[in-house]
Amino acid sequence: MNSLRALAFGVAAMPAAVLAEQAVAACPSHAQPDWIENLAPDQAHHGLLLQQMYRANTNASIVEYQTCSCTVRYPLWDSSEQAYFENYSDLDKATILEAASNFQSIADDNLQEAQALCEAVGHW
């Protein structure tokens, strides 16, 4: 597991119930936190970072656990949001943008495999 991802999300072993979840026609997605929508334009980098953290966590989890169950494909935002506030919210803009780029790379590194797994069960 990528150490940046582990630091950001405190990823633990995925519960067996999640791994065993069967594919359904549609998964409920969860709205991003309201505060992202209300950011001033000069603070948009904070929202970008949280979005990239969420995307990285999602794609990496799909690949790591080899499942695209609804709970893995569309997790709650809570763990990403908590990791953001604990590790990144007080950082300067340049550092936040660098972190966002790193999380984007994690998401992109896992994109093809995650997409293939999810397409196989109709979740892409």
C-alpha atoms as a PDB file:
ATOM      1  CA  MET A   1       0.000   0.000   0.000  1.00  0.00           C
ATOM      2  CA  ASN A   2       1.287   3.453  -0.849  1.00  0.00           C
ATOM      3  CA  SER A   3       2.570   5.149   2.311  1.00  0.00           C
ATOM      4  CA  LEU A   4       1.042   8.513   1.327  1.00  0.00           C
ATOM      5  CA  ARG A   5      -2.327   6.819   0.983  1.00  0.00           C
ATOM      6  CA  ALA A   6      -1.943   4.999   4.281  1.00  0.00           C
ATOM      7  CA  LEU A   7      -1.027   8.241   6.044  1.00  0.00           C
ATOM      8  CA  ALA A   8      -3.947  10.078   4.544  1.00  0.00           C
ATOM      9  CA  PHE A   9      -6.610   7.487   5.124  1.00  0.00           C
ATOM     10  CA  GLY A  10      -5.459   5.196   7.902  1.00  0.00           C
ATOM     11  CA  VAL A  11      -6.556   2.341   5.665  1.00  0.00           C
ATOM     12  CA  ALA A  12      -7.301  -0.818   7.586  1.00  0.00           C
ATOM     13  CA  ALA A  13      -8.289  -4.248   6.363  1.00  0.00           C
ATOM     14  CA  MET A  14     -11.522  -4.178   4.404  1.00  0.00           C
ATOM     15  CA  PRO A  15     -14.347  -5.996   6.220  1.00  0.00           C
ATOM     16  CA  ALA A  16     -15.371  -9.282   4.625  1.00  0.00           C
ATOM     17  CA  ALA A  17     -18.957  -8.050   4.283  1.00  0.00           C
ATOM     18  CA  VAL A  18     -17.779  -5.230   2.053  1.00  0.00           C
ATOM     19  CA  LEU A  19     -15.680  -7.533  -0.081  1.00  0.00           C
ATOM     20  CA  ALA A  20     -18.579  -9.947  -0.478  1.00  0.00           C
ATOM     21  CA  GLU A  21     -21.102  -7.302  -1.486  1.00  0.00           C
ATOM     22  CA  GLN A  22     -22.723  -8.199  -4.779  1.00  0.00           C
ATOM     23  CA  ALA A  23     -22.993  -5.847  -7.727  1.00  0.00           C
ATOM     24  CA  VAL A  24     -26.242  -3.990  -8.163  1.00  0.00           C
ATOM     25  CA  ALA A  25     -27.577  -2.006 -11.087  1.00  0.00           C
ATOM     26  CA  ALA A  26     -26.790   1.351  -9.496  1.00  0.00           C
ATOM     27  CA  CYS A  27     -24.788   2.471  -6.513  1.00  0.00           C
ATOM     28  CA  PRO A  28     -25.702   5.480  -4.424  1.00  0.00           C
ATOM     29  CA  SER A  29     -23.015   8.122  -4.594  1.00  0.00           C
ATOM     30  CA  HIS A  30     -22.434  10.467  -1.703  1.00  0.00           C
ATOM     31  CA  ALA A  31     -22.409  14.234  -2.108  1.00  0.00           C
ATOM     32  CA  GLN A  32     -19.135  15.907  -1.342  1.00  0.00           C
ATOM     33  CA  PRO A  33     -19.044  17.950   1.861  1.00  0.00           C
ATOM     34  CA  ASP A  34     -21.008  21.205   1.693  1.00  0.00           C
ATOM     35  CA  TRP A  35     -18.037  23.317   2.677  1.00  0.00           C
ATOM     36  CA  ILE A  36     -16.355  22.536  -0.655  1.00  0.00           C
ATOM     37  CA  GLU A  37     -19.231  24.200  -2.499  1.00  0.00           C
ATOM     38  CA  ASN A  38     -18.943  27.298  -0.321  1.00  0.00           C
ATOM     39  CA  LEU A  39     -15.214  27.945  -0.663  1.00  0.00           C
ATOM     40  CA  ALA A  40     -14.086  31.353  -1.827  1.00  0.00           C
ATOM     41  CA  PRO A  41     -12.363  31.172  -5.230  1.00  0.00           C
ATOM     42  CA  ASP A  42      -8.964  31.883  -3.676  1.00  0.00           C
ATOM     43  CA  GLN A  43      -9.477  28.857  -1.389  1.00  0.00           C
ATOM     44  CA  ALA A  44     -10.547  26.387  -4.100  1.00  0.00           C
ATOM     45  CA  HIS A  45      -7.257  24.476  -3.738  1.00  0.00           C
ATOM     46  CA  HIS A  46      -8.564  23.090  -0.432  1.00  0.00           C
ATOM     47  CA  GLY A  47     -11.558  21.529  -2.177  1.00  0.00           C
ATOM     48  CA  LEU A  48      -9.384  20.235  -5.008  1.00  0.00           C
ATOM     49  CA  LEU A  49      -7.139  18.452  -2.531  1.00  0.00           C
ATOM     50  CA  LEU A  50     -10.039  16.750  -0.756  1.00  0.00           C
ATOM     51  CA  GLN A  51     -11.522  15.658  -4.088  1.00  0.00           C
ATOM     52  CA  GLN A  52      -8.191  14.187  -5.186  1.00  0.00           C
ATOM     53  CA  MET A  53      -7.764  12.431  -1.830  1.00  0.00           C
ATOM     54  CA  TYR A  54     -11.213  10.870  -2.204  1.00  0.00           C
ATOM     55  CA  ARG A  55     -10.535   9.804  -5.797  1.00  0.00           C
ATOM     56  CA  ALA A  56      -7.132   8.323  -4.898  1.00  0.00           C
ATOM     57  CA  ASN A  57      -8.586   6.405  -1.981  1.00  0.00           C
ATOM     58  CA  THR A  58     -11.448   5.066  -4.083  1.00  0.00           C
ATOM     59  CA  ASN A  59      -9.352   3.878  -7.032  1.00  0.00           C
ATOM     60  CA  ALA A  60      -6.620   2.421  -4.829  1.00  0.00           C
ATOM     61  CA  SER A  61      -9.154   0.579  -2.661  1.00  0.00           C
ATOM     62  CA  ILE A  62     -10.868  -0.938  -5.692  1.00  0.00           C
ATOM     63  CA  VAL A  63      -7.528  -2.265  -6.924  1.00  0.00           C
ATOM     64  CA  GLU A  64      -6.217  -3.326  -3.523  1.00  0.00           C
ATOM     65  CA  TYR A  65      -9.341  -5.294  -2.592  1.00  0.00           C
ATOM     66  CA  GLN A  66     -10.142  -6.384  -6.165  1.00  0.00           C
ATOM     67  CA  THR A  67     -13.775  -5.405  -5.760  1.00  0.00           C
ATOM     68  CA  CYS A  68     -16.030  -2.683  -7.018  1.00  0.00           C
ATOM     69  CA  SER A  69     -18.804  -3.105  -4.500  1.00  0.00           C
ATOM     70  CA  CYS A  70     -20.880  -0.003  -3.934  1.00  0.00           C
ATOM     71  CA  THR A  71     -19.267   0.710  -0.581  1.00  0.00           C
ATOM     72  CA  VAL A  72     -15.794   0.591  -2.130  1.00  0.00           C
ATOM     73  CA  ARG A  73     -16.680   2.445  -5.340  1.00  0.00           C
ATOM     74  CA  TYR A  74     -18.666   5.167  -3.554  1.00  0.00           C
ATOM     75  CA  PRO A  75     -17.414   5.412   0.038  1.00  0.00           C
ATOM     76  CA  LEU A  76     -18.543   8.085   2.430  1.00  0.00           C
ATOM     77  CA  TRP A  77     -16.399  11.206   2.399  1.00  0.00           C
ATOM     78  CA  ASP A  78     -15.792  11.013   6.160  1.00  0.00           C
ATOM     79  CA  SER A  79     -12.369   9.329   6.147  1.00  0.00           C
ATOM     80  CA  SER A  80     -11.010  11.550   3.385  1.00  0.00           C
ATOM     81  CA  GLU A  81     -12.386  14.641   5.088  1.00  0.00           C
ATOM     82  CA  GLN A  82     -10.943  13.613   8.461  1.00  0.00           C
ATOM     83  CA  ALA A  83      -7.534  12.935   6.904  1.00  0.00           C
ATOM     84  CA  TYR A  84      -7.668  16.313   5.142  1.00  0.00           C
ATOM     85  CA  PHE A  85      -8.381  18.217   8.367  1.00  0.00           C
ATOM     86  CA  GLU A  86      -5.809  16.254  10.385  1.00  0.00           C
ATOM     87  CA  ASN A  87      -2.989  16.464   7.859  1.00  0.00           C
ATOM     88  CA  TYR A  88      -3.505  19.176   5.243  1.00  0.00           C
ATOM     89  CA  SER A  89      -5.992  21.934   6.090  1.00  0.00           C
ATOM     90  CA  ASP A  90      -3.426  24.264   7.683  1.00  0.00           C
ATOM     91  CA  LEU A  91      -0.811  23.960   4.941  1.00  0.00           C
ATOM     92  CA  ASP A  92       0.065  26.729   2.505  1.00  0.00           C
ATOM     93  CA  LYS A  93      -1.364  26.788  -1.025  1.00  0.00           C
ATOM     94  CA  ALA A  94       1.777  25.475  -2.739  1.00  0.00           C
ATOM     95  CA  THR A  95       1.986  22.490  -0.405  1.00  0.00           C
ATOM     96  CA  ILE A  96      -1.703  21.748  -0.831  1.00  0.00           C
ATOM     97  CA  LEU A  97      -1.392  21.856  -4.617  1.00  0.00           C
ATOM     98  CA  GLU A  98       1.632  19.541  -4.452  1.00  0.00           C
ATOM     99  CA  ALA A  99      -0.318  17.099  -2.279  1.00  0.00           C
ATOM    100  CA  ALA A 100      -3.280  17.281  -4.671  1.00  0.00           C
ATOM    101  CA  SER A 101      -0.949  16.418  -7.535  1.00  0.00           C
ATOM    102  CA  ASN A 102       0.441  13.455  -5.581  1.00  0.00           C
ATOM    103  CA  PHE A 103      -3.054  12.147  -4.852  1.00  0.00           C
ATOM    104  CA  GLN A 104      -4.010  12.634  -8.499  1.00  0.00           C
ATOM    105  CA  SER A 105      -1.031  10.467  -9.442  1.00  0.00           C
ATOM    106  CA  ILE A 106      -2.183   7.726  -7.050  1.00  0.00           C
ATOM    107  CA  ALA A 107      -5.672   7.857  -8.547  1.00  0.00           C
ATOM    108  CA  ASP A 108      -4.325   7.804 -12.094  1.00  0.00           C
ATOM    109  CA  ASP A 109      -1.933   4.938 -11.336  1.00  0.00           C
ATOM    110  CA  ASN A 110      -4.916   2.802 -10.344  1.00  0.00           C
ATOM    111  CA  LEU A 111      -7.431   4.107 -12.870  1.00  0.00           C
ATOM    112  CA  GLN A 112      -7.216   1.468 -15.605  1.00  0.00           C
ATOM    113  CA  GLU A 113      -7.415  -1.506 -13.277  1.00  0.00           C
ATOM    114  CA  ALA A 114     -10.134   0.088 -11.141  1.00  0.00           C
ATOM    115  CA  GLN A 115     -12.160   0.950 -14.220  1.00  0.00           C
ATOM    116  CA  ALA A 116     -11.870  -2.583 -15.599  1.00  0.00           C
ATOM    117  CA  LEU A 117     -13.011  -4.103 -12.296  1.00  0.00           C
ATOM    118  CA  CYS A 118     -15.939  -1.714 -12.075  1.00  0.00           C
ATOM    119  CA  GLU A 119     -16.999  -2.071 -15.690  1.00  0.00           C
ATOM    120  CA  ALA A 120     -17.176  -5.834 -15.150  1.00  0.00           C
ATOM    121  CA  VAL A 121     -19.925  -5.323 -12.570  1.00  0.00           C
ATOM    122  CA  GLY A 122     -21.596  -2.306 -14.163  1.00  0.00           C
ATOM    123  CA  HIS A 123     -20.333   0.325 -11.733  1.00  0.00           C
ATOM    124  CA  TRP A 124     -18.428   2.608 -14.108  1.00  0.00           C
END
